Amino acid sequence: MGKNKMIKLLNLLKEISGKAAPYGSGYAPVKELVTDTEIICDNCGWKWKIKDGGDDLYICHKCGHDNNPDN
């Protein structure tokens, strides 16, 4: 790889650092998130308040995905 291509690649990496992977990159974006007040489905992105979750707090009522934390 030439020096100019390497510099362009390094600049691109600096630019996208900390951003989600672009569509079609082969990496699925990580959407799994549970905050103090809400849960965001890691499958479809639907979010709901914890106080409204009921007995099946981690089950998404939009797509049915189980969002139980792994840890």
PDB file of N, CA and C in Angstrom:
ATOM      1  N   MET A   1       0.854  -1.172   0.000  1.00  0.00           N
ATOM      2  CA  MET A   1       0.000   0.000   0.000  1.00  0.00           C
ATOM      3  C   MET A   1       0.895   1.227   0.000  1.00  0.00           C
ATOM      4  N   GLY A   2       0.559   2.169  -0.871  1.00  0.00           N
ATOM      5  CA  GLY A   2       1.353   3.388  -0.975  1.00  0.00           C
ATOM      6  C   GLY A   2       1.137   4.317   0.202  1.00  0.00           C
ATOM      7  N   LYS A   3       2.059   5.257   0.326  1.00  0.00           N
ATOM      8  CA  LYS A   3       2.007   6.201   1.449  1.00  0.00           C
ATOM      9  C   LYS A   3       0.719   7.024   1.425  1.00  0.00           C
ATOM     10  N   ASN A   4       0.302   7.512   0.245  1.00  0.00           N
ATOM     11  CA  ASN A   4      -0.916   8.326   0.157  1.00  0.00           C
ATOM     12  C   ASN A   4      -2.152   7.525   0.554  1.00  0.00           C
ATOM     13  N   LYS A   5      -2.221   6.268   0.135  1.00  0.00           N
ATOM     14  CA  LYS A   5      -3.365   5.425   0.486  1.00  0.00           C
ATOM     15  C   LYS A   5      -3.394   5.163   1.986  1.00  0.00           C
ATOM     16  N   MET A   6      -2.234   4.969   2.571  1.00  0.00           N
ATOM     17  CA  MET A   6      -2.142   4.729   4.010  1.00  0.00           C
ATOM     18  C   MET A   6      -2.608   5.964   4.782  1.00  0.00           C
ATOM     19  N   ILE A   7      -2.211   7.140   4.335  1.00  0.00           N
ATOM     20  CA  ILE A   7      -2.622   8.383   4.998  1.00  0.00           C
ATOM     21  C   ILE A   7      -4.131   8.552   4.896  1.00  0.00           C
ATOM     22  N   LYS A   8      -4.702   8.282   3.708  1.00  0.00           N
ATOM     23  CA  LYS A   8      -6.152   8.379   3.534  1.00  0.00           C
ATOM     24  C   LYS A   8      -6.879   7.408   4.454  1.00  0.00           C
ATOM     25  N   LEU A   9      -6.339   6.197   4.568  1.00  0.00           N
ATOM     26  CA  LEU A   9      -6.946   5.190   5.434  1.00  0.00           C
ATOM     27  C   LEU A   9      -6.887   5.630   6.898  1.00  0.00           C
ATOM     28  N   LEU A  10      -5.764   6.133   7.326  1.00  0.00           N
ATOM     29  CA  LEU A  10      -5.629   6.602   8.708  1.00  0.00           C
ATOM     30  C   LEU A  10      -6.563   7.767   8.991  1.00  0.00           C
ATOM     31  N   ASN A  11      -6.697   8.682   8.042  1.00  0.00           N
ATOM     32  CA  ASN A  11      -7.625   9.804   8.224  1.00  0.00           C
ATOM     33  C   ASN A  11      -9.064   9.321   8.301  1.00  0.00           C
ATOM     34  N   LEU A  12      -9.414   8.335   7.472  1.00  0.00           N
ATOM     35  CA  LEU A  12     -10.753   7.772   7.510  1.00  0.00           C
ATOM     36  C   LEU A  12     -11.022   7.100   8.856  1.00  0.00           C
ATOM     37  N   LEU A  13     -10.057   6.362   9.356  1.00  0.00           N
ATOM     38  CA  LEU A  13     -10.214   5.701  10.656  1.00  0.00           C
ATOM     39  C   LEU A  13     -10.388   6.728  11.778  1.00  0.00           C
ATOM     40  N   LYS A  14      -9.662   7.818  11.717  1.00  0.00           N
ATOM     41  CA  LYS A  14      -9.831   8.874  12.717  1.00  0.00           C
ATOM     42  C   LYS A  14     -11.231   9.470  12.641  1.00  0.00           C
ATOM     43  N   GLU A  15     -11.721   9.647  11.403  1.00  0.00           N
ATOM     44  CA  GLU A  15     -13.038  10.252  11.194  1.00  0.00           C
ATOM     45  C   GLU A  15     -14.165   9.384  11.728  1.00  0.00           C
ATOM     46  N   ILE A  16     -14.069   8.067  11.530  1.00  0.00           N
ATOM     47  CA  ILE A  16     -15.168   7.188  11.928  1.00  0.00           C
ATOM     48  C   ILE A  16     -15.002   6.608  13.316  1.00  0.00           C
ATOM     49  N   SER A  17     -13.926   6.917  13.975  1.00  0.00           N
ATOM     50  CA  SER A  17     -13.692   6.397  15.316  1.00  0.00           C
ATOM     51  C   SER A  17     -14.825   6.800  16.242  1.00  0.00           C
ATOM     52  N   GLY A  18     -15.435   5.812  16.901  1.00  0.00           N
ATOM     53  CA  GLY A  18     -16.514   6.080  17.829  1.00  0.00           C
ATOM     54  C   GLY A  18     -17.879   6.140  17.189  1.00  0.00           C
ATOM     55  N   LYS A  19     -17.950   5.951  15.870  1.00  0.00           N
ATOM     56  CA  LYS A  19     -19.234   5.963  15.174  1.00  0.00           C
ATOM     57  C   LYS A  19     -19.664   4.537  14.888  1.00  0.00           C
ATOM     58  N   ALA A  20     -20.931   4.345  14.624  1.00  0.00           N
ATOM     59  CA  ALA A  20     -21.450   3.026  14.269  1.00  0.00           C
ATOM     60  C   ALA A  20     -20.896   2.597  12.914  1.00  0.00           C
ATOM     61  N   ALA A  21     -20.787   1.296  12.715  1.00  0.00           N
ATOM     62  CA  ALA A  21     -20.318   0.763  11.442  1.00  0.00           C
ATOM     63  C   ALA A  21     -21.320   1.111  10.341  1.00  0.00           C
ATOM     64  N   PRO A  22     -20.824   1.476   9.162  1.00  0.00           N
ATOM     65  CA  PRO A  22     -21.745   1.827   8.075  1.00  0.00           C
ATOM     66  C   PRO A  22     -22.521   0.620   7.578  1.00  0.00           C
ATOM     67  N   TYR A  23     -23.715   0.881   7.031  1.00  0.00           N
ATOM     68  CA  TYR A  23     -24.557  -0.191   6.493  1.00  0.00           C
ATOM     69  C   TYR A  23     -23.764  -0.959   5.436  1.00  0.00           C
ATOM     70  N   GLY A  24     -23.834  -2.283   5.501  1.00  0.00           N
ATOM     71  CA  GLY A  24     -23.157  -3.125   4.528  1.00  0.00           C
ATOM     72  C   GLY A  24     -21.715  -3.424   4.876  1.00  0.00           C
ATOM     73  N   SER A  25     -21.263  -2.992   6.043  1.00  0.00           N
ATOM     74  CA  SER A  25     -19.868  -3.201   6.415  1.00  0.00           C
ATOM     75  C   SER A  25     -19.620  -4.607   6.958  1.00  0.00           C
ATOM     76  N   GLY A  26     -20.698  -5.350   7.209  1.00  0.00           N
ATOM     77  CA  GLY A  26     -20.530  -6.691   7.756  1.00  0.00           C
ATOM     78  C   GLY A  26     -20.658  -6.741   9.261  1.00  0.00           C
ATOM     79  N   TYR A  27     -20.757  -5.605   9.897  1.00  0.00           N
ATOM     80  CA  TYR A  27     -20.893  -5.554  11.344  1.00  0.00           C
ATOM     81  C   TYR A  27     -22.280  -5.037  11.702  1.00  0.00           C
ATOM     82  N   ALA A  28     -22.941  -5.732  12.581  1.00  0.00           N
ATOM     83  CA  ALA A  28     -24.254  -5.286  13.041  1.00  0.00           C
ATOM     84  C   ALA A  28     -24.063  -4.219  14.106  1.00  0.00           C
ATOM     85  N   PRO A  29     -24.815  -3.138  14.034  1.00  0.00           N
ATOM     86  CA  PRO A  29     -24.690  -2.125  15.082  1.00  0.00           C
ATOM     87  C   PRO A  29     -25.179  -2.667  16.414  1.00  0.00           C
ATOM     88  N   VAL A  30     -24.533  -2.245  17.474  1.00  0.00           N
ATOM     89  CA  VAL A  30     -24.932  -2.674  18.805  1.00  0.00           C
ATOM     90  C   VAL A  30     -25.959  -1.692  19.326  1.00  0.00           C
ATOM     91  N   LYS A  31     -27.158  -2.194  19.588  1.00  0.00           N
ATOM     92  CA  LYS A  31     -28.228  -1.329  20.051  1.00  0.00           C
ATOM     93  C   LYS A  31     -28.647  -1.679  21.468  1.00  0.00           C
ATOM     94  N   GLU A  32     -28.068  -2.725  22.020  1.00  0.00           N
ATOM     95  CA  GLU A  32     -28.494  -3.191  23.337  1.00  0.00           C
ATOM     96  C   GLU A  32     -28.247  -2.110  24.366  1.00  0.00           C
ATOM     97  N   LEU A  33     -29.328  -1.718  25.020  1.00  0.00           N
ATOM     98  CA  LEU A  33     -29.173  -0.660  26.000  1.00  0.00           C
ATOM     99  C   LEU A  33     -30.272  -0.749  27.042  1.00  0.00           C
ATOM    100  N   VAL A  34     -29.865  -0.758  28.294  1.00  0.00           N
ATOM    101  CA  VAL A  34     -30.796  -0.682  29.413  1.00  0.00           C
ATOM    102  C   VAL A  34     -30.303   0.465  30.276  1.00  0.00           C
ATOM    103  N   THR A  35     -31.135   1.485  30.434  1.00  0.00           N
ATOM    104  CA  THR A  35     -30.772   2.632  31.259  1.00  0.00           C
ATOM    105  C   THR A  35     -31.519   2.522  32.591  1.00  0.00           C
ATOM    106  N   ASP A  36     -31.419   3.550  33.387  1.00  0.00           N
ATOM    107  CA  ASP A  36     -32.143   3.562  34.662  1.00  0.00           C
ATOM    108  C   ASP A  36     -33.650   3.642  34.468  1.00  0.00           C
ATOM    109  N   THR A  37     -34.080   4.149  33.299  1.00  0.00           N
ATOM    110  CA  THR A  37     -35.510   4.382  33.101  1.00  0.00           C
ATOM    111  C   THR A  37     -36.123   3.634  31.924  1.00  0.00           C
ATOM    112  N   GLU A  38     -35.300   3.147  30.958  1.00  0.00           N
ATOM    113  CA  GLU A  38     -35.875   2.491  29.793  1.00  0.00           C
ATOM    114  C   GLU A  38     -34.996   1.382  29.237  1.00  0.00           C
ATOM    115  N   ILE A  39     -35.598   0.584  28.359  1.00  0.00           N
ATOM    116  CA  ILE A  39     -34.914  -0.506  27.668  1.00  0.00           C
ATOM    117  C   ILE A  39     -35.087  -0.258  26.182  1.00  0.00           C
ATOM    118  N   ILE A  40     -34.008  -0.455  25.423  1.00  0.00           N
ATOM    119  CA  ILE A  40     -34.064  -0.341  23.969  1.00  0.00           C
ATOM    120  C   ILE A  40     -33.772  -1.728  23.399  1.00  0.00           C
ATOM    121  N   CYS A  41     -34.678  -2.229  22.565  1.00  0.00           N
ATOM    122  CA  CYS A  41     -34.545  -3.564  21.990  1.00  0.00           C
ATOM    123  C   CYS A  41     -33.308  -3.652  21.107  1.00  0.00           C
ATOM    124  N   ASP A  42     -32.469  -4.681  21.321  1.00  0.00           N
ATOM    125  CA  ASP A  42     -31.289  -4.840  20.493  1.00  0.00           C
ATOM    126  C   ASP A  42     -31.628  -5.447  19.134  1.00  0.00           C
ATOM    127  N   ASN A  43     -32.869  -5.833  18.902  1.00  0.00           N
ATOM    128  CA  ASN A  43     -33.256  -6.391  17.607  1.00  0.00           C
ATOM    129  C   ASN A  43     -33.873  -5.335  16.690  1.00  0.00           C
ATOM    130  N   CYS A  44     -34.836  -4.564  17.199  1.00  0.00           N
ATOM    131  CA  CYS A  44     -35.558  -3.631  16.318  1.00  0.00           C
ATOM    132  C   CYS A  44     -35.423  -2.169  16.709  1.00  0.00           C
ATOM    133  N   GLY A  45     -34.851  -1.874  17.894  1.00  0.00           N
ATOM    134  CA  GLY A  45     -34.667  -0.499  18.318  1.00  0.00           C
ATOM    135  C   GLY A  45     -35.848   0.109  19.064  1.00  0.00           C
ATOM    136  N   TRP A  46     -36.942  -0.639  19.208  1.00  0.00           N
ATOM    137  CA  TRP A  46     -38.113  -0.171  19.954  1.00  0.00           C
ATOM    138  C   TRP A  46     -37.687   0.097  21.389  1.00  0.00           C
ATOM    139  N   LYS A  47     -38.225   1.116  22.029  1.00  0.00           N
ATOM    140  CA  LYS A  47     -37.861   1.379  23.422  1.00  0.00           C
ATOM    141  C   LYS A  47     -39.111   1.556  24.268  1.00  0.00           C
ATOM    142  N   TRP A  48     -38.983   1.191  25.530  1.00  0.00           N
ATOM    143  CA  TRP A  48     -40.089   1.315  26.474  1.00  0.00           C
ATOM    144  C   TRP A  48     -39.545   1.618  27.851  1.00  0.00           C
ATOM    145  N   LYS A  49     -40.404   2.247  28.653  1.00  0.00           N
ATOM    146  CA  LYS A  49     -40.014   2.604  30.016  1.00  0.00           C
ATOM    147  C   LYS A  49     -40.059   1.361  30.896  1.00  0.00           C
ATOM    148  N   ILE A  50     -39.089   1.244  31.774  1.00  0.00           N
ATOM    149  CA  ILE A  50     -39.023   0.104  32.690  1.00  0.00           C
ATOM    150  C   ILE A  50     -40.296   0.015  33.524  1.00  0.00           C
ATOM    151  N   LYS A  51     -40.820   1.156  33.956  1.00  0.00           N
ATOM    152  CA  LYS A  51     -42.027   1.142  34.790  1.00  0.00           C
ATOM    153  C   LYS A  51     -43.232   0.587  34.041  1.00  0.00           C
ATOM    154  N   ASP A  52     -43.197   0.559  32.696  1.00  0.00           N
ATOM    155  CA  ASP A  52     -44.304   0.044  31.882  1.00  0.00           C
ATOM    156  C   ASP A  52     -44.073  -1.383  31.394  1.00  0.00           C
ATOM    157  N   GLY A  53     -42.956  -1.999  31.811  1.00  0.00           N
ATOM    158  CA  GLY A  53     -42.571  -3.305  31.273  1.00  0.00           C
ATOM    159  C   GLY A  53     -43.385  -4.479  31.773  1.00  0.00           C
ATOM    160  N   GLY A  54     -43.942  -4.401  32.946  1.00  0.00           N
ATOM    161  CA  GLY A  54     -44.739  -5.490  33.487  1.00  0.00           C
ATOM    162  C   GLY A  54     -43.913  -6.703  33.869  1.00  0.00           C
ATOM    163  N   ASP A  55     -44.538  -7.896  33.806  1.00  0.00           N
ATOM    164  CA  ASP A  55     -43.872  -9.139  34.213  1.00  0.00           C
ATOM    165  C   ASP A  55     -42.797  -9.585  33.233  1.00  0.00           C
ATOM    166  N   ASP A  56     -42.929  -9.232  31.967  1.00  0.00           N
ATOM    167  CA  ASP A  56     -41.941  -9.619  30.959  1.00  0.00           C
ATOM    168  C   ASP A  56     -41.169  -8.377  30.509  1.00  0.00           C
ATOM    169  N   LEU A  57     -40.497  -7.776  31.454  1.00  0.00           N
ATOM    170  CA  LEU A  57     -39.819  -6.495  31.288  1.00  0.00           C
ATOM    171  C   LEU A  57     -38.894  -6.458  30.074  1.00  0.00           C
ATOM    172  N   TYR A  58     -38.162  -7.533  29.805  1.00  0.00           N
ATOM    173  CA  TYR A  58     -37.150  -7.514  28.757  1.00  0.00           C
ATOM    174  C   TYR A  58     -37.645  -8.040  27.412  1.00  0.00           C
ATOM    175  N   ILE A  59     -38.895  -8.454  27.311  1.00  0.00           N
ATOM    176  CA  ILE A  59     -39.436  -8.937  26.042  1.00  0.00           C
ATOM    177  C   ILE A  59     -40.008  -7.753  25.269  1.00  0.00           C
ATOM    178  N   CYS A  60     -39.536  -7.581  24.025  1.00  0.00           N
ATOM    179  CA  CYS A  60     -40.023  -6.481  23.191  1.00  0.00           C
ATOM    180  C   CYS A  60     -41.437  -6.793  22.717  1.00  0.00           C
ATOM    181  N   HIS A  61     -42.339  -5.863  22.936  1.00  0.00           N
ATOM    182  CA  HIS A  61     -43.731  -6.052  22.535  1.00  0.00           C
ATOM    183  C   HIS A  61     -43.948  -5.719  21.063  1.00  0.00           C
ATOM    184  N   LYS A  62     -42.906  -5.256  20.394  1.00  0.00           N
ATOM    185  CA  LYS A  62     -43.011  -4.966  18.963  1.00  0.00           C
ATOM    186  C   LYS A  62     -42.544  -6.160  18.126  1.00  0.00           C
ATOM    187  N   CYS A  63     -41.369  -6.738  18.476  1.00  0.00           N
ATOM    188  CA  CYS A  63     -40.839  -7.844  17.652  1.00  0.00           C
ATOM    189  C   CYS A  63     -40.715  -9.166  18.412  1.00  0.00           C
ATOM    190  N   GLY A  64     -40.912  -9.148  19.761  1.00  0.00           N
ATOM    191  CA  GLY A  64     -40.849 -10.378  20.542  1.00  0.00           C
ATOM    192  C   GLY A  64     -39.458 -10.802  20.980  1.00  0.00           C
ATOM    193  N   HIS A  65     -38.443 -10.009  20.701  1.00  0.00           N
ATOM    194  CA  HIS A  65     -37.063 -10.341  21.047  1.00  0.00           C
ATOM    195  C   HIS A  65     -36.843 -10.276  22.564  1.00  0.00           C
ATOM    196  N   ASP A  66     -36.082 -11.232  23.094  1.00  0.00           N
ATOM    197  CA  ASP A  66     -35.744 -11.254  24.521  1.00  0.00           C
ATOM    198  C   ASP A  66     -34.486 -10.406  24.729  1.00  0.00           C
ATOM    199  N   ASN A  67     -34.605  -9.347  25.482  1.00  0.00           N
ATOM    200  CA  ASN A  67     -33.508  -8.399  25.716  1.00  0.00           C
ATOM    201  C   ASN A  67     -32.865  -8.551  27.081  1.00  0.00           C
ATOM    202  N   ASN A  68     -32.964  -9.731  27.690  1.00  0.00           N
ATOM    203  CA  ASN A  68     -32.343  -9.937  28.992  1.00  0.00           C
ATOM    204  C   ASN A  68     -30.855  -9.639  28.902  1.00  0.00           C
ATOM    205  N   PRO A  69     -30.319  -8.867  29.852  1.00  0.00           N
ATOM    206  CA  PRO A  69     -28.889  -8.565  29.832  1.00  0.00           C
ATOM    207  C   PRO A  69     -28.060  -9.845  29.933  1.00  0.00           C
ATOM    208  N   ASP A  70     -26.941  -9.876  29.217  1.00  0.00           N
ATOM    209  CA  ASP A  70     -26.060 -11.052  29.212  1.00  0.00           C
ATOM    210  C   ASP A  70     -25.270 -11.211  30.490  1.00  0.00           C
ATOM    211  N   ASN A  71     -25.037 -10.117  31.213  1.00  0.00           N
ATOM    212  CA  ASN A  71     -24.191 -10.215  32.398  1.00  0.00           C
ATOM    213  C   ASN A  71     -24.954 -10.341  33.640  1.00  0.00           C
TER     214      ASN A  71
END
